[in-house]
PDB file of N, CA and C in Angstrom:
ATOM      1  N   MET A   1    -142.409  13.760 -73.402  1.00  0.00           N
ATOM      2  CA  MET A   1    -142.059  15.615 -73.066  1.00  0.00           C
ATOM      3  C   MET A   1    -141.573  15.091 -72.017  1.00  0.00           C
ATOM      4  N   GLN A   2    -139.942  16.350 -71.957  1.00  0.00           N
ATOM      5  CA  GLN A   2    -139.673  16.937 -70.965  1.00  0.00           C
ATOM      6  C   GLN A   2    -139.928  17.708 -69.526  1.00  0.00           C
ATOM      7  N   PRO A   3    -139.481  17.618 -68.582  1.00  0.00           N
ATOM      8  CA  PRO A   3    -140.353  18.350 -67.878  1.00  0.00           C
ATOM      9  C   PRO A   3    -139.584  20.082 -68.062  1.00  0.00           C
ATOM     10  N   THR A   4    -140.856  20.628 -67.489  1.00  0.00           N
ATOM     11  CA  THR A   4    -140.730  22.104 -67.588  1.00  0.00           C
ATOM     12  C   THR A   4    -141.428  22.579 -65.855  1.00  0.00           C
ATOM     13  N   ASP A   5    -140.779  24.113 -66.082  1.00  0.00           N
ATOM     14  CA  ASP A   5    -141.203  24.770 -65.144  1.00  0.00           C
ATOM     15  C   ASP A   5    -142.866  25.391 -65.110  1.00  0.00           C
ATOM     16  N   GLY A   6    -142.850  26.328 -64.550  1.00  0.00           N
ATOM     17  CA  GLY A   6    -144.416  26.613 -64.695  1.00  0.00           C
ATOM     18  C   GLY A   6    -144.836  27.438 -65.291  1.00  0.00           C
ATOM     19  N   GLY A   7    -144.013  28.144 -66.143  1.00  0.00           N
ATOM     20  CA  GLY A   7    -144.919  28.832 -67.448  1.00  0.00           C
ATOM     21  C   GLY A   7    -143.885  27.919 -68.938  1.00  0.00           C
ATOM     22  N   GLY A   8    -143.529  27.008 -68.891  1.00  0.00           N
ATOM     23  CA  GLY A   8    -143.394  26.328 -69.971  1.00  0.00           C
ATOM     24  C   GLY A   8    -142.479  26.191 -70.700  1.00  0.00           C
ATOM     25  N   ALA A   9    -141.010  26.271 -70.089  1.00  0.00           N
ATOM     26  CA  ALA A   9    -139.780  26.298 -70.147  1.00  0.00           C
ATOM     27  C   ALA A   9    -138.875  25.351 -69.514  1.00  0.00           C
ATOM     28  N   MET A  10    -138.445  24.193 -70.262  1.00  0.00           N
ATOM     29  CA  MET A  10    -137.564  23.963 -70.547  1.00  0.00           C
ATOM     30  C   MET A  10    -136.714  24.096 -69.112  1.00  0.00           C
ATOM     31  N   VAL A  11    -136.990  22.747 -68.008  1.00  0.00           N
ATOM     32  CA  VAL A  11    -136.073  22.603 -67.334  1.00  0.00           C
ATOM     33  C   VAL A  11    -134.806  21.981 -67.356  1.00  0.00           C
ATOM     34  N   SER A  12    -133.308  22.542 -67.010  1.00  0.00           N
ATOM     35  CA  SER A  12    -132.202  22.113 -66.937  1.00  0.00           C
ATOM     36  C   SER A  12    -131.800  20.251 -66.105  1.00  0.00           C
ATOM     37  N   PRO A  13    -131.175  19.789 -67.365  1.00  0.00           N
ATOM     38  CA  PRO A  13    -131.524  18.172 -66.729  1.00  0.00           C
ATOM     39  C   PRO A  13    -130.252  18.457 -65.209  1.00  0.00           C
ATOM     40  N   PRO A  14    -130.668  17.362 -64.508  1.00  0.00           N
ATOM     41  CA  PRO A  14    -129.407  16.615 -63.704  1.00  0.00           C
ATOM     42  C   PRO A  14    -128.596  16.993 -64.179  1.00  0.00           C
ATOM     43  N   ALA A  15    -126.747  17.097 -63.529  1.00  0.00           N
ATOM     44  CA  ALA A  15    -125.731  16.552 -63.813  1.00  0.00           C
ATOM     45  C   ALA A  15    -125.773  14.875 -64.434  1.00  0.00           C
ATOM     46  N   HIS A  16    -124.983  14.511 -65.312  1.00  0.00           N
ATOM     47  CA  HIS A  16    -125.170  13.045 -66.056  1.00  0.00           C
ATOM     48  C   HIS A  16    -126.189  12.304 -65.837  1.00  0.00           C
ATOM     49  N   THR A  17    -127.300  12.778 -66.256  1.00  0.00           N
ATOM     50  CA  THR A  17    -128.125  11.931 -66.687  1.00  0.00           C
ATOM     51  C   THR A  17    -128.709  11.674 -68.247  1.00  0.00           C
ATOM     52  N   ARG A  18    -129.554  10.645 -67.790  1.00  0.00           N
ATOM     53  CA  ARG A  18    -130.374  10.126 -69.389  1.00  0.00           C
ATOM     54  C   ARG A  18    -131.757  10.506 -69.386  1.00  0.00           C
ATOM     55  N   TRP A  19    -132.692  10.633 -70.468  1.00  0.00           N
ATOM     56  CA  TRP A  19    -133.622  11.291 -70.325  1.00  0.00           C
ATOM     57  C   TRP A  19    -134.482   9.570 -71.194  1.00  0.00           C
ATOM     58  N   CYS A  20    -135.102   9.228 -70.235  1.00  0.00           N
ATOM     59  CA  CYS A  20    -136.232   7.943 -70.939  1.00  0.00           C
ATOM     60  C   CYS A  20    -137.279   8.362 -71.460  1.00  0.00           C
ATOM     61  N   VAL A  21    -137.485   8.316 -72.841  1.00  0.00           N
ATOM     62  CA  VAL A  21    -138.766   8.876 -73.716  1.00  0.00           C
ATOM     63  C   VAL A  21    -139.977   8.204 -73.453  1.00  0.00           C
ATOM     64  N   ILE A  22    -140.043   6.980 -73.089  1.00  0.00           N
ATOM     65  CA  ILE A  22    -141.511   6.012 -72.883  1.00  0.00           C
ATOM     66  C   ILE A  22    -141.833   6.509 -70.855  1.00  0.00           C
ATOM     67  N   HIS A  23    -140.766   6.875 -69.820  1.00  0.00           N
ATOM     68  CA  HIS A  23    -140.973   6.941 -68.865  1.00  0.00           C
ATOM     69  C   HIS A  23    -141.008   8.381 -68.805  1.00  0.00           C
ATOM     70  N   GLU A  24    -140.566   9.130 -69.470  1.00  0.00           N
ATOM     71  CA  GLU A  24    -140.501  10.685 -69.084  1.00  0.00           C
ATOM     72  C   GLU A  24    -140.276  11.016 -67.521  1.00  0.00           C
ATOM     73  N   GLN A  25    -138.420  10.456 -67.537  1.00  0.00           N
ATOM     74  CA  GLN A  25    -137.833  11.108 -66.285  1.00  0.00           C
ATOM     75  C   GLN A  25    -136.330  10.615 -66.990  1.00  0.00           C
ATOM     76  N   TYR A  26    -136.014  11.306 -65.747  1.00  0.00           N
ATOM     77  CA  TYR A  26    -133.826  11.186 -66.163  1.00  0.00           C
ATOM     78  C   TYR A  26    -133.590  10.230 -65.305  1.00  0.00           C
ATOM     79  N   TYR A  27    -132.653   9.513 -65.581  1.00  0.00           N
ATOM     80  CA  TYR A  27    -131.845   8.435 -64.627  1.00  0.00           C
ATOM     81  C   TYR A  27    -130.274   8.311 -65.037  1.00  0.00           C
ATOM     82  N   ARG A  28    -130.126   8.186 -64.057  1.00  0.00           N
ATOM     83  CA  ARG A  28    -128.350   8.083 -63.825  1.00  0.00           C
ATOM     84  C   ARG A  28    -128.389   6.568 -64.705  1.00  0.00           C
ATOM     85  N   GLY A  29    -127.209   6.490 -65.414  1.00  0.00           N
ATOM     86  CA  GLY A  29    -126.688   5.393 -66.064  1.00  0.00           C
ATOM     87  C   GLY A  29    -127.329   5.449 -67.438  1.00  0.00           C
ATOM     88  N   ALA A  30    -126.834   4.012 -67.978  1.00  0.00           N
ATOM     89  CA  ALA A  30    -127.056   3.554 -69.614  1.00  0.00           C
ATOM     90  C   ALA A  30    -128.297   2.829 -69.479  1.00  0.00           C
ATOM     91  N   VAL A  31    -129.414   2.490 -69.165  1.00  0.00           N
ATOM     92  CA  VAL A  31    -130.340   2.012 -68.838  1.00  0.00           C
ATOM     93  C   VAL A  31    -131.735   2.710 -67.830  1.00  0.00           C
ATOM     94  N   CYS A  32    -132.992   2.251 -68.293  1.00  0.00           N
ATOM     95  CA  CYS A  32    -133.831   3.082 -67.874  1.00  0.00           C
ATOM     96  C   CYS A  32    -134.100   1.729 -66.664  1.00  0.00           C
ATOM     97  N   MET A  33    -134.274   2.217 -65.443  1.00  0.00           N
ATOM     98  CA  MET A  33    -134.591   1.489 -64.315  1.00  0.00           C
ATOM     99  C   MET A  33    -135.628   0.362 -64.072  1.00  0.00           C
ATOM    100  N   LEU A  34    -136.867   1.141 -65.172  1.00  0.00           N
ATOM    101  CA  LEU A  34    -138.275   0.922 -65.465  1.00  0.00           C
ATOM    102  C   LEU A  34    -138.391  -0.138 -66.587  1.00  0.00           C
ATOM    103  N   CYS A  35    -137.777  -0.089 -67.559  1.00  0.00           N
ATOM    104  CA  CYS A  35    -138.190  -0.830 -68.801  1.00  0.00           C
ATOM    105  C   CYS A  35    -136.885  -0.990 -69.004  1.00  0.00           C
ATOM    106  N   ALA A  36    -135.665  -1.670 -68.404  1.00  0.00           N
ATOM    107  CA  ALA A  36    -134.681  -2.069 -68.944  1.00  0.00           C
ATOM    108  C   ALA A  36    -133.914  -1.634 -69.751  1.00  0.00           C
ATOM    109  N   ARG A  37    -134.724  -0.484 -70.678  1.00  0.00           N
ATOM    110  CA  ARG A  37    -133.589  -0.071 -71.705  1.00  0.00           C
ATOM    111  C   ARG A  37    -132.851   0.583 -71.853  1.00  0.00           C
ATOM    112  N   PRO A  38    -132.090   1.012 -72.891  1.00  0.00           N
ATOM    113  CA  PRO A  38    -131.059   1.974 -73.232  1.00  0.00           C
ATOM    114  C   PRO A  38    -131.927   2.971 -73.117  1.00  0.00           C
ATOM    115  N   VAL A  39    -131.397   4.116 -72.651  1.00  0.00           N
ATOM    116  CA  VAL A  39    -131.575   5.640 -72.258  1.00  0.00           C
ATOM    117  C   VAL A  39    -130.546   6.496 -73.096  1.00  0.00           C
ATOM    118  N   SER A  40    -131.418   7.537 -74.279  1.00  0.00           N
ATOM    119  CA  SER A  40    -130.151   8.407 -74.852  1.00  0.00           C
ATOM    120  C   SER A  40    -130.029   9.586 -74.124  1.00  0.00           C
ATOM    121  N   PRO A  41    -128.699   9.858 -74.242  1.00  0.00           N
ATOM    122  CA  PRO A  41    -128.816  11.412 -73.622  1.00  0.00           C
ATOM    123  C   PRO A  41    -129.822  12.419 -73.616  1.00  0.00           C
ATOM    124  N   HIS A  42    -129.373  12.844 -72.898  1.00  0.00           N
ATOM    125  CA  HIS A  42    -130.491  14.171 -72.553  1.00  0.00           C
ATOM    126  C   HIS A  42    -130.536  15.095 -73.821  1.00  0.00           C
ATOM    127  N   ARG A  43    -131.152  15.717 -74.381  1.00  0.00           N
ATOM    128  CA  ARG A  43    -131.486  16.320 -76.013  1.00  0.00           C
ATOM    129  C   ARG A  43    -131.995  18.071 -75.501  1.00  0.00           C
ATOM    130  N   ARG A  44    -130.812  18.868 -76.587  1.00  0.00           N
ATOM    131  CA  ARG A  44    -131.381  20.244 -75.745  1.00  0.00           C
ATOM    132  C   ARG A  44    -132.691  19.846 -76.549  1.00  0.00           C
ATOM    133  N   PRO A  45    -133.584  21.247 -76.148  1.00  0.00           N
ATOM    134  CA  PRO A  45    -134.927  21.608 -76.582  1.00  0.00           C
ATOM    135  C   PRO A  45    -135.200  21.849 -77.895  1.00  0.00           C
ATOM    136  N   GLY A  46    -135.615  21.400 -78.892  1.00  0.00           N
ATOM    137  CA  GLY A  46    -135.675  21.512 -80.512  1.00  0.00           C
ATOM    138  C   GLY A  46    -134.435  20.387 -81.242  1.00  0.00           C
ATOM    139  N   THR A  47    -134.716  20.117 -80.397  1.00  0.00           N
ATOM    140  CA  THR A  47    -133.346  18.787 -81.062  1.00  0.00           C
ATOM    141  C   THR A  47    -133.676  17.326 -81.263  1.00  0.00           C
ATOM    142  N   PRO A  48    -135.123  16.651 -80.648  1.00  0.00           N
ATOM    143  CA  PRO A  48    -135.974  15.351 -81.044  1.00  0.00           C
ATOM    144  C   PRO A  48    -135.692  15.187 -82.161  1.00  0.00           C
ATOM    145  N   GLY A  49    -135.444  13.891 -82.993  1.00  0.00           N
ATOM    146  CA  GLY A  49    -135.475  13.860 -83.953  1.00  0.00           C
ATOM    147  C   GLY A  49    -134.224  13.941 -85.041  1.00  0.00           C
ATOM    148  N   ARG A  50    -133.172  14.980 -84.879  1.00  0.00           N
ATOM    149  CA  ARG A  50    -132.236  15.488 -86.094  1.00  0.00           C
ATOM    150  C   ARG A  50    -131.916  14.203 -86.876  1.00  0.00           C
ATOM    151  N   VAL A  51    -131.534  14.768 -87.985  1.00  0.00           N
ATOM    152  CA  VAL A  51    -131.005  13.697 -88.683  1.00  0.00           C
ATOM    153  C   VAL A  51    -129.813  13.518 -88.884  1.00  0.00           C
ATOM    154  N   LEU A  52    -129.342  12.451 -88.335  1.00  0.00           N
ATOM    155  CA  LEU A  52    -127.825  12.067 -88.420  1.00  0.00           C
ATOM    156  C   LEU A  52    -127.052  11.492 -89.773  1.00  0.00           C
ATOM    157  N   VAL A  53    -125.865  11.352 -90.024  1.00  0.00           N
ATOM    158  CA  VAL A  53    -125.249  10.923 -90.699  1.00  0.00           C
ATOM    159  C   VAL A  53    -124.574  10.472 -90.945  1.00  0.00           C
ATOM    160  N   TYR A  54    -123.507   9.444 -91.883  1.00  0.00           N
ATOM    161  CA  TYR A  54    -122.573   9.072 -91.736  1.00  0.00           C
ATOM    162  C   TYR A  54    -121.155   9.763 -92.270  1.00  0.00           C
ATOM    163  N   ALA A  55    -120.222  10.658 -91.269  1.00  0.00           N
ATOM    164  CA  ALA A  55    -118.921  11.403 -91.869  1.00  0.00           C
ATOM    165  C   ALA A  55    -118.226  10.120 -92.729  1.00  0.00           C
ATOM    166  N   ASP A  56    -117.734  10.709 -93.366  1.00  0.00           N
ATOM    167  CA  ASP A  56    -117.005  10.022 -93.989  1.00  0.00           C
ATOM    168  C   ASP A  56    -115.336  10.623 -94.064  1.00  0.00           C
ATOM    169  N   GLY A  57    -114.142  10.669 -92.563  1.00  0.00           N
ATOM    170  CA  GLY A  57    -113.174  11.261 -92.148  1.00  0.00           C
ATOM    171  C   GLY A  57    -112.364  11.220 -93.585  1.00  0.00           C
ATOM    172  N   ASP A  58    -111.974  10.400 -94.324  1.00  0.00           N
ATOM    173  CA  ASP A  58    -110.923  10.298 -95.261  1.00  0.00           C
ATOM    174  C   ASP A  58    -111.403  11.309 -95.926  1.00  0.00           C
ATOM    175  N   LYS A  59    -112.910  11.428 -96.505  1.00  0.00           N
ATOM    176  CA  LYS A  59    -113.112  12.584 -97.407  1.00  0.00           C
ATOM    177  C   LYS A  59    -113.442  13.742 -96.771  1.00  0.00           C
ATOM    178  N   LEU A  60    -112.962  14.043 -95.411  1.00  0.00           N
ATOM    179  CA  LEU A  60    -113.320  15.548 -95.156  1.00  0.00           C
ATOM    180  C   LEU A  60    -111.872  15.953 -94.671  1.00  0.00           C
ATOM    181  N   ARG A  61    -110.864  14.884 -94.812  1.00  0.00           N
ATOM    182  CA  ARG A  61    -109.445  15.210 -94.453  1.00  0.00           C
ATOM    183  C   ARG A  61    -109.211  15.812 -96.056  1.00  0.00           C
ATOM    184  N   ALA A  62    -109.320  15.012 -96.509  1.00  0.00           N
ATOM    185  CA  ALA A  62    -108.575  15.440 -98.545  1.00  0.00           C
ATOM    186  C   ALA A  62    -109.073  16.737 -98.925  1.00  0.00           C
ATOM    187  N   ALA A  63    -110.437  16.808 -98.727  1.00  0.00           N
ATOM    188  CA  ALA A  63    -110.793  17.991 -99.036  1.00  0.00           C
ATOM    189  C   ALA A  63    -110.023  19.435 -98.075  1.00  0.00           C
ATOM    190  N   ARG A  64    -110.148  18.724 -96.825  1.00  0.00           N
ATOM    191  CA  ARG A  64    -109.251  20.555 -95.888  1.00  0.00           C
ATOM    192  C   ARG A  64    -107.880  19.992 -96.388  1.00  0.00           C
ATOM    193  N   LEU A  65    -107.180  18.971 -96.728  1.00  0.00           N
ATOM    194  CA  LEU A  65    -105.359  19.623 -97.147  1.00  0.00           C
ATOM    195  C   LEU A  65    -105.375  19.815 -98.598  1.00  0.00           C
ATOM    196  N   ALA A  66    -106.910  19.132 -99.585  1.00  0.00           N
ATOM    197  CA  ALA A  66    -106.700  20.109-100.718  1.00  0.00           C
ATOM    198  C   ALA A  66    -106.874  21.976-100.440  1.00  0.00           C
ATOM    199  N   LYS A  67    -107.375  21.993 -99.609  1.00  0.00           N
ATOM    200  CA  LYS A  67    -107.295  23.562 -99.530  1.00  0.00           C
ATOM    201  C   LYS A  67    -105.817  24.156 -98.223  1.00  0.00           C
ATOM    202  N   ARG A  68    -105.526  23.222 -98.265  1.00  0.00           N
ATOM    203  CA  ARG A  68    -104.150  23.334 -97.627  1.00  0.00           C
ATOM    204  C   ARG A  68    -104.507  23.875 -96.239  1.00  0.00           C
ATOM    205  N   TRP A  69    -105.473  23.642 -95.400  1.00  0.00           N
ATOM    206  CA  TRP A  69    -106.141  23.963 -93.527  1.00  0.00           C
ATOM    207  C   TRP A  69    -105.197  23.009 -93.085  1.00  0.00           C
ATOM    208  N   SER A  70    -105.330  23.680 -91.671  1.00  0.00           N
ATOM    209  CA  SER A  70    -104.985  22.868 -90.863  1.00  0.00           C
ATOM    210  C   SER A  70    -106.074  22.334 -90.007  1.00  0.00           C
ATOM    211  N   LEU A  71    -106.451  21.561 -89.032  1.00  0.00           N
ATOM    212  CA  LEU A  71    -107.541  21.372 -88.190  1.00  0.00           C
ATOM    213  C   LEU A  71    -108.143  22.786 -87.887  1.00  0.00           C
ATOM    214  N   ARG A  72    -107.325  22.921 -86.941  1.00  0.00           N
ATOM    215  CA  ARG A  72    -107.702  24.206 -86.025  1.00  0.00           C
ATOM    216  C   ARG A  72    -108.436  25.367 -87.150  1.00  0.00           C
ATOM    217  N   GLU A  73    -107.753  25.463 -88.332  1.00  0.00           N
ATOM    218  CA  GLU A  73    -108.376  26.535 -89.628  1.00  0.00           C
ATOM    219  C   GLU A  73    -109.608  25.783 -90.115  1.00  0.00           C
ATOM    220  N   LEU A  74    -110.007  24.819 -90.408  1.00  0.00           N
ATOM    221  CA  LEU A  74    -111.193  24.079 -90.404  1.00  0.00           C
ATOM    222  C   LEU A  74    -112.331  24.337 -89.450  1.00  0.00           C
ATOM    223  N   ALA A  75    -112.099  24.431 -88.246  1.00  0.00           N
ATOM    224  CA  ALA A  75    -112.812  23.946 -87.100  1.00  0.00           C
ATOM    225  C   ALA A  75    -113.515  25.481 -86.922  1.00  0.00           C
ATOM    226  N   HIS A  76    -112.082  26.646 -86.765  1.00  0.00           N
ATOM    227  CA  HIS A  76    -112.564  28.044 -86.379  1.00  0.00           C
ATOM    228  C   HIS A  76    -113.490  28.464 -87.681  1.00  0.00           C
ATOM    229  N   LEU A  77    -113.339  27.760 -89.062  1.00  0.00           N
ATOM    230  CA  LEU A  77    -114.130  28.700 -90.327  1.00  0.00           C
ATOM    231  C   LEU A  77    -115.289  28.179 -90.444  1.00  0.00           C
ATOM    232  N   ALA A  78    -115.720  26.519 -89.271  1.00  0.00           N
ATOM    233  CA  ALA A  78    -116.796  25.994 -89.523  1.00  0.00           C
ATOM    234  C   ALA A  78    -118.012  26.346 -87.907  1.00  0.00           C
ATOM    235  N   GLY A  79    -117.147  27.269 -87.467  1.00  0.00           N
ATOM    236  CA  GLY A  79    -117.575  27.542 -86.296  1.00  0.00           C
ATOM    237  C   GLY A  79    -117.731  26.040 -84.940  1.00  0.00           C
ATOM    238  N   MET A  80    -116.407  25.022 -85.113  1.00  0.00           N
ATOM    239  CA  MET A  80    -116.719  24.189 -84.392  1.00  0.00           C
ATOM    240  C   MET A  80    -115.142  24.029 -83.403  1.00  0.00           C
ATOM    241  N   GLY A  81    -115.539  23.548 -82.432  1.00  0.00           N
ATOM    242  CA  GLY A  81    -114.366  22.810 -82.156  1.00  0.00           C
ATOM    243  C   GLY A  81    -113.031  21.955 -82.705  1.00  0.00           C
ATOM    244  N   TYR A  82    -111.818  22.620 -82.041  1.00  0.00           N
ATOM    245  CA  TYR A  82    -110.872  21.562 -82.819  1.00  0.00           C
ATOM    246  C   TYR A  82    -111.190  19.988 -82.600  1.00  0.00           C
ATOM    247  N   ALA A  83    -111.301  19.954 -81.172  1.00  0.00           N
ATOM    248  CA  ALA A  83    -111.321  18.206 -80.832  1.00  0.00           C
ATOM    249  C   ALA A  83    -112.870  17.622 -81.747  1.00  0.00           C
ATOM    250  N   HIS A  84    -114.065  18.334 -81.842  1.00  0.00           N
ATOM    251  CA  HIS A  84    -114.712  18.061 -82.886  1.00  0.00           C
ATOM    252  C   HIS A  84    -114.328  17.683 -84.338  1.00  0.00           C
ATOM    253  N   VAL A  85    -114.159  18.658 -84.474  1.00  0.00           N
ATOM    254  CA  VAL A  85    -113.397  18.446 -85.962  1.00  0.00           C
ATOM    255  C   VAL A  85    -112.494  16.760 -86.472  1.00  0.00           C
ATOM    256  N   HIS A  86    -111.548  17.117 -85.386  1.00  0.00           N
ATOM    257  CA  HIS A  86    -110.201  15.612 -85.522  1.00  0.00           C
ATOM    258  C   HIS A  86    -111.038  14.397 -85.225  1.00  0.00           C
ATOM    259  N   HIS A  87    -112.234  14.674 -83.702  1.00  0.00           N
ATOM    260  CA  HIS A  87    -112.926  13.238 -83.847  1.00  0.00           C
ATOM    261  C   HIS A  87    -113.848  12.598 -84.745  1.00  0.00           C
ATOM    262  N   ILE A  88    -114.524  13.603 -85.632  1.00  0.00           N
ATOM    263  CA  ILE A  88    -114.577  12.901 -86.867  1.00  0.00           C
ATOM    264  C   ILE A  88    -113.848  12.845 -88.417  1.00  0.00           C
ATOM    265  N   GLU A  89    -113.267  13.458 -88.331  1.00  0.00           N
ATOM    266  CA  GLU A  89    -111.908  13.461 -89.628  1.00  0.00           C
ATOM    267  C   GLU A  89    -111.260  12.513 -89.188  1.00  0.00           C
ATOM    268  N   THR A  90    -111.071  11.931 -88.008  1.00  0.00           N
ATOM    269  CA  THR A  90    -110.144   9.757 -87.314  1.00  0.00           C
ATOM    270  C   THR A  90    -111.154   9.110 -87.175  1.00  0.00           C
ATOM    271  N   ALA A  91    -112.128   9.536 -87.613  1.00  0.00           N
ATOM    272  CA  ALA A  91    -113.747   8.318 -86.860  1.00  0.00           C
ATOM    273  C   ALA A  91    -113.421   7.623 -86.315  1.00  0.00           C
ATOM    274  N   SER A  92    -113.510   8.576 -85.060  1.00  0.00           N
ATOM    275  CA  SER A  92    -113.437   8.008 -83.964  1.00  0.00           C
ATOM    276  C   SER A  92    -115.543   8.674 -83.507  1.00  0.00           C
ATOM    277  N   ARG A  93    -115.825   9.479 -84.493  1.00  0.00           N
ATOM    278  CA  ARG A  93    -117.299   9.953 -84.575  1.00  0.00           C
ATOM    279  C   ARG A  93    -117.423   9.644 -85.994  1.00  0.00           C
ATOM    280  N   ARG A  94    -118.185   8.529 -86.105  1.00  0.00           N
ATOM    281  CA  ARG A  94    -118.619   8.053 -87.203  1.00  0.00           C
ATOM    282  C   ARG A  94    -120.731   8.375 -87.510  1.00  0.00           C
ATOM    283  N   ARG A  95    -120.817   8.878 -86.659  1.00  0.00           N
ATOM    284  CA  ARG A  95    -122.427   9.309 -87.714  1.00  0.00           C
ATOM    285  C   ARG A  95    -122.578  10.956 -86.735  1.00  0.00           C
ATOM    286  N   ILE A  96    -122.377  11.948 -87.051  1.00  0.00           N
ATOM    287  CA  ILE A  96    -122.222  13.599 -86.830  1.00  0.00           C
ATOM    288  C   ILE A  96    -123.780  14.008 -87.149  1.00  0.00           C
ATOM    289  N   THR A  97    -124.554  15.494 -87.379  1.00  0.00           N
ATOM    290  CA  THR A  97    -126.142  15.514 -87.199  1.00  0.00           C
ATOM    291  C   THR A  97    -125.535  15.898 -88.400  1.00  0.00           C
ATOM    292  N   LEU A  98    -126.761  16.162 -89.292  1.00  0.00           N
ATOM    293  CA  LEU A  98    -126.833  16.767 -90.511  1.00  0.00           C
ATOM    294  C   LEU A  98    -126.394  18.777 -90.822  1.00  0.00           C
ATOM    295  N   GLN A  99    -127.256  19.336 -90.218  1.00  0.00           N
ATOM    296  CA  GLN A  99    -125.928  20.697 -89.565  1.00  0.00           C
ATOM    297  C   GLN A  99    -124.618  20.603 -89.370  1.00  0.00           C
ATOM    298  N   THR A 100    -124.067  19.921 -88.543  1.00  0.00           N
ATOM    299  CA  THR A 100    -122.709  19.622 -88.132  1.00  0.00           C
ATOM    300  C   THR A 100    -121.987  19.158 -90.001  1.00  0.00           C
ATOM    301  N   ALA A 101    -122.618  18.357 -90.720  1.00  0.00           N
ATOM    302  CA  ALA A 101    -121.880  18.285 -92.275  1.00  0.00           C
ATOM    303  C   ALA A 101    -121.632  19.220 -93.167  1.00  0.00           C
ATOM    304  N   GLN A 102    -123.799  19.947 -92.841  1.00  0.00           N
ATOM    305  CA  GLN A 102    -123.664  20.954 -93.629  1.00  0.00           C
ATOM    306  C   GLN A 102    -122.434  21.787 -93.150  1.00  0.00           C
ATOM    307  N   ARG A 103    -122.681  22.528 -91.859  1.00  0.00           N
ATOM    308  CA  ARG A 103    -121.135  23.659 -91.275  1.00  0.00           C
ATOM    309  C   ARG A 103    -120.059  23.010 -91.971  1.00  0.00           C
ATOM    310  N   LEU A 104    -119.914  21.659 -91.948  1.00  0.00           N
ATOM    311  CA  LEU A 104    -118.096  21.625 -92.344  1.00  0.00           C
ATOM    312  C   LEU A 104    -118.412  21.474 -94.105  1.00  0.00           C
ATOM    313  N   ALA A 105    -119.134  21.446 -94.765  1.00  0.00           N
ATOM    314  CA  ALA A 105    -119.324  21.494 -96.280  1.00  0.00           C
ATOM    315  C   ALA A 105    -119.414  23.059 -96.418  1.00  0.00           C
ATOM    316  N   GLU A 106    -120.162  23.855 -95.939  1.00  0.00           N
ATOM    317  CA  GLU A 106    -120.225  25.263 -96.425  1.00  0.00           C
ATOM    318  C   GLU A 106    -118.632  26.055 -96.092  1.00  0.00           C
ATOM    319  N   ALA A 107    -118.087  25.693 -95.208  1.00  0.00           N
ATOM    320  CA  ALA A 107    -116.993  26.164 -94.716  1.00  0.00           C
ATOM    321  C   ALA A 107    -116.016  25.108 -95.920  1.00  0.00           C
ATOM    322  N   LEU A 108    -116.060  23.910 -96.239  1.00  0.00           N
ATOM    323  CA  LEU A 108    -114.629  23.680 -97.252  1.00  0.00           C
ATOM    324  C   LEU A 108    -115.167  24.054 -98.704  1.00  0.00           C
ATOM    325  N   ASP A 109    -116.051  24.913 -99.049  1.00  0.00           N
ATOM    326  CA  ASP A 109    -117.221  24.992-100.371  1.00  0.00           C
ATOM    327  C   ASP A 109    -117.379  23.750-101.427  1.00  0.00           C
ATOM    328  N   THR A 110    -117.930  23.046-100.319  1.00  0.00           N
ATOM    329  CA  THR A 110    -118.421  21.758-101.190  1.00  0.00           C
ATOM    330  C   THR A 110    -119.937  21.024-100.739  1.00  0.00           C
ATOM    331  N   THR A 111    -120.262  19.801-101.463  1.00  0.00           N
ATOM    332  CA  THR A 111    -121.750  19.210-100.309  1.00  0.00           C
ATOM    333  C   THR A 111    -121.536  18.484 -99.556  1.00  0.00           C
ATOM    334  N   VAL A 112    -122.908  18.710 -98.509  1.00  0.00           N
ATOM    335  CA  VAL A 112    -122.578  16.969 -97.052  1.00  0.00           C
ATOM    336  C   VAL A 112    -122.452  16.138 -98.190  1.00  0.00           C
ATOM    337  N   THR A 113    -122.638  15.877 -99.134  1.00  0.00           N
ATOM    338  CA  THR A 113    -122.449  14.445-100.139  1.00  0.00           C
ATOM    339  C   THR A 113    -120.996  14.201-100.334  1.00  0.00           C
ATOM    340  N   ALA A 114    -120.445  15.372-100.491  1.00  0.00           N
ATOM    341  CA  ALA A 114    -118.287  15.204-100.586  1.00  0.00           C
ATOM    342  C   ALA A 114    -118.027  14.447 -99.417  1.00  0.00           C
ATOM    343  N   LEU A 115    -118.804  15.036 -98.135  1.00  0.00           N
ATOM    344  CA  LEU A 115    -117.926  14.246 -97.103  1.00  0.00           C
ATOM    345  C   LEU A 115    -118.802  13.424 -96.432  1.00  0.00           C
ATOM    346  N   THR A 116    -119.841  12.793 -96.681  1.00  0.00           N
ATOM    347  CA  THR A 116    -120.345  12.248 -96.133  1.00  0.00           C
ATOM    348  C   THR A 116    -120.665  10.441 -96.807  1.00  0.00           C
ATOM    349  N   ARG A 117    -120.764   9.489 -95.811  1.00  0.00           N
ATOM    350  CA  ARG A 117    -121.164   8.140 -96.963  1.00  0.00           C
ATOM    351  C   ARG A 117    -122.567   7.652 -97.147  1.00  0.00           C
ATOM    352  N   ASP A 118    -122.683   7.271 -97.908  1.00  0.00           N
ATOM    353  CA  ASP A 118    -124.233   6.730 -98.393  1.00  0.00           C
ATOM    354  C   ASP A 118    -125.020   6.572 -97.364  1.00  0.00           C
ATOM    355  N   GLY A 119    -126.122   7.529 -97.613  1.00  0.00           N
ATOM    356  CA  GLY A 119    -127.659   7.034 -96.479  1.00  0.00           C
ATOM    357  C   GLY A 119    -127.363   7.931 -95.443  1.00  0.00           C
ATOM    358  N   PRO A 120    -128.842   8.269 -94.956  1.00  0.00           N
ATOM    359  CA  PRO A 120    -128.641   8.809 -93.844  1.00  0.00           C
ATOM    360  C   PRO A 120    -128.538   7.610 -92.422  1.00  0.00           C
ATOM    361  N   ALA A 121    -127.810   7.822 -91.073  1.00  0.00           N
ATOM    362  CA  ALA A 121    -127.736   6.850 -90.302  1.00  0.00           C
ATOM    363  C   ALA A 121    -128.854   6.900 -89.290  1.00  0.00           C
ATOM    364  N   ASP A 122    -128.996   5.419 -88.625  1.00  0.00           N
ATOM    365  CA  ASP A 122    -129.952   5.232 -87.928  1.00  0.00           C
ATOM    366  C   ASP A 122    -130.132   5.435 -86.836  1.00  0.00           C
TER     367      ASP A 122
END
């Protein structure tokens, strides 16, 4: 459980830190100093356990080009940043949240399955 203020609201994490769910502390660096396990980047309240899927950049690009849209147009219509869509399409970001996949699919008037690879990401 991440730290809260006296009223139960989540406290903002210190800059450039990661959260260890085992020790419930923030750490700088990629591993917990107590258990030497990799620690996950801080997640906003309400996002633990979010579903990740494997994006298929080629399918995304084909769907975008079929609409004759630029990356910027798709990003705008999906309510996302240009760089985020670019990273997904060029496969430098392979795992994306299901919510991101849904936003892209909705903008392209297609299904999430049409833009992702088989199976959820681990």
